[in-house]
Amino acid sequence: MFKITGALIVGLMLTSCVVHDNGNRVKKVPPGQAKKIYGGSAKDYAPGQVKKRNGY
């Protein structure tokens, strides 16, 4: 009886470990492609150029 109960508890623990993917992934556009789509400079869209914006 204890073995069956223990096996059920372990089984329930294992089935509760499920990874959920919510699908909120945003596809990053390379800076050159963003420049072509939205205009401006590629530096405006490059993450490494953030300090050069807004008068830093």
C-alpha atoms as a PDB file:
ATOM      1  CA  MET A   1       0.000   0.000   0.000  1.00  0.00           C
ATOM      2  CA  PHE A   2       2.811   2.419   0.891  1.00  0.00           C
ATOM      3  CA  LYS A   3       4.683   1.568  -2.296  1.00  0.00           C
ATOM      4  CA  ILE A   4       1.662   2.308  -4.452  1.00  0.00           C
ATOM      5  CA  THR A   5       1.010   5.596  -2.664  1.00  0.00           C
ATOM      6  CA  GLY A   6       4.681   6.567  -2.940  1.00  0.00           C
ATOM      7  CA  ALA A   7       4.730   5.721  -6.638  1.00  0.00           C
ATOM      8  CA  LEU A   8       1.627   7.853  -7.216  1.00  0.00           C
ATOM      9  CA  ILE A   9       3.135  10.792  -5.339  1.00  0.00           C
ATOM     10  CA  VAL A  10       6.377  10.537  -7.327  1.00  0.00           C
ATOM     11  CA  GLY A  11       4.376  10.277 -10.549  1.00  0.00           C
ATOM     12  CA  LEU A  12       2.401  13.396  -9.689  1.00  0.00           C
ATOM     13  CA  MET A  13       5.611  15.265  -8.880  1.00  0.00           C
ATOM     14  CA  LEU A  14       7.139  14.318 -12.221  1.00  0.00           C
ATOM     15  CA  THR A  15       4.077  15.327 -14.232  1.00  0.00           C
ATOM     16  CA  SER A  16       3.952  18.737 -12.548  1.00  0.00           C
ATOM     17  CA  CYS A  17       7.429  19.593 -13.898  1.00  0.00           C
ATOM     18  CA  VAL A  18       6.356  20.936 -17.282  1.00  0.00           C
ATOM     19  CA  VAL A  19       8.078  23.758 -19.135  1.00  0.00           C
ATOM     20  CA  HIS A  20       5.691  26.235 -20.725  1.00  0.00           C
ATOM     21  CA  ASP A  21       6.716  28.391 -23.666  1.00  0.00           C
ATOM     22  CA  ASN A  22       4.531  31.471 -23.813  1.00  0.00           C
ATOM     23  CA  GLY A  23       5.705  32.387 -27.344  1.00  0.00           C
ATOM     24  CA  ASN A  24       6.441  36.060 -26.614  1.00  0.00           C
ATOM     25  CA  ARG A  25       9.724  35.985 -28.483  1.00  0.00           C
ATOM     26  CA  VAL A  26      10.454  39.053 -30.517  1.00  0.00           C
ATOM     27  CA  LYS A  27      12.592  38.453 -33.548  1.00  0.00           C
ATOM     28  CA  LYS A  28      15.532  40.857 -33.547  1.00  0.00           C
ATOM     29  CA  VAL A  29      16.208  42.689 -36.788  1.00  0.00           C
ATOM     30  CA  PRO A  30      19.860  43.441 -37.589  1.00  0.00           C
ATOM     31  CA  PRO A  31      20.712  47.172 -37.539  1.00  0.00           C
ATOM     32  CA  GLY A  32      21.274  47.325 -41.299  1.00  0.00           C
ATOM     33  CA  GLN A  33      17.901  45.762 -42.027  1.00  0.00           C
ATOM     34  CA  ALA A  34      16.147  48.076 -39.559  1.00  0.00           C
ATOM     35  CA  LYS A  35      17.776  51.031 -41.355  1.00  0.00           C
ATOM     36  CA  LYS A  36      16.357  49.812 -44.655  1.00  0.00           C
ATOM     37  CA  ILE A  37      12.879  49.330 -43.187  1.00  0.00           C
ATOM     38  CA  TYR A  38      12.543  52.392 -40.942  1.00  0.00           C
ATOM     39  CA  GLY A  39      15.159  54.755 -42.368  1.00  0.00           C
ATOM     40  CA  GLY A  40      17.818  56.714 -40.492  1.00  0.00           C
ATOM     41  CA  SER A  41      21.247  55.430 -39.533  1.00  0.00           C
ATOM     42  CA  ALA A  42      22.157  51.849 -38.652  1.00  0.00           C
ATOM     43  CA  LYS A  43      23.759  53.236 -35.471  1.00  0.00           C
ATOM     44  CA  ASP A  44      20.289  54.248 -34.299  1.00  0.00           C
ATOM     45  CA  TYR A  45      19.268  50.592 -34.184  1.00  0.00           C
ATOM     46  CA  ALA A  46      22.507  48.977 -32.949  1.00  0.00           C
ATOM     47  CA  PRO A  47      22.411  47.990 -29.249  1.00  0.00           C
ATOM     48  CA  GLY A  48      26.142  48.689 -28.846  1.00  0.00           C
ATOM     49  CA  GLN A  49      25.685  52.315 -29.834  1.00  0.00           C
ATOM     50  CA  VAL A  50      23.306  53.257 -27.011  1.00  0.00           C
ATOM     51  CA  LYS A  51      25.842  55.448 -25.155  1.00  0.00           C
ATOM     52  CA  LYS A  52      26.352  57.548 -28.277  1.00  0.00           C
ATOM     53  CA  ARG A  53      22.689  58.585 -28.319  1.00  0.00           C
ATOM     54  CA  ASN A  54      20.956  61.362 -26.421  1.00  0.00           C
ATOM     55  CA  GLY A  55      24.087  63.388 -25.630  1.00  0.00           C
ATOM     56  CA  TYR A  56      25.912  60.914 -23.394  1.00  0.00           C
END
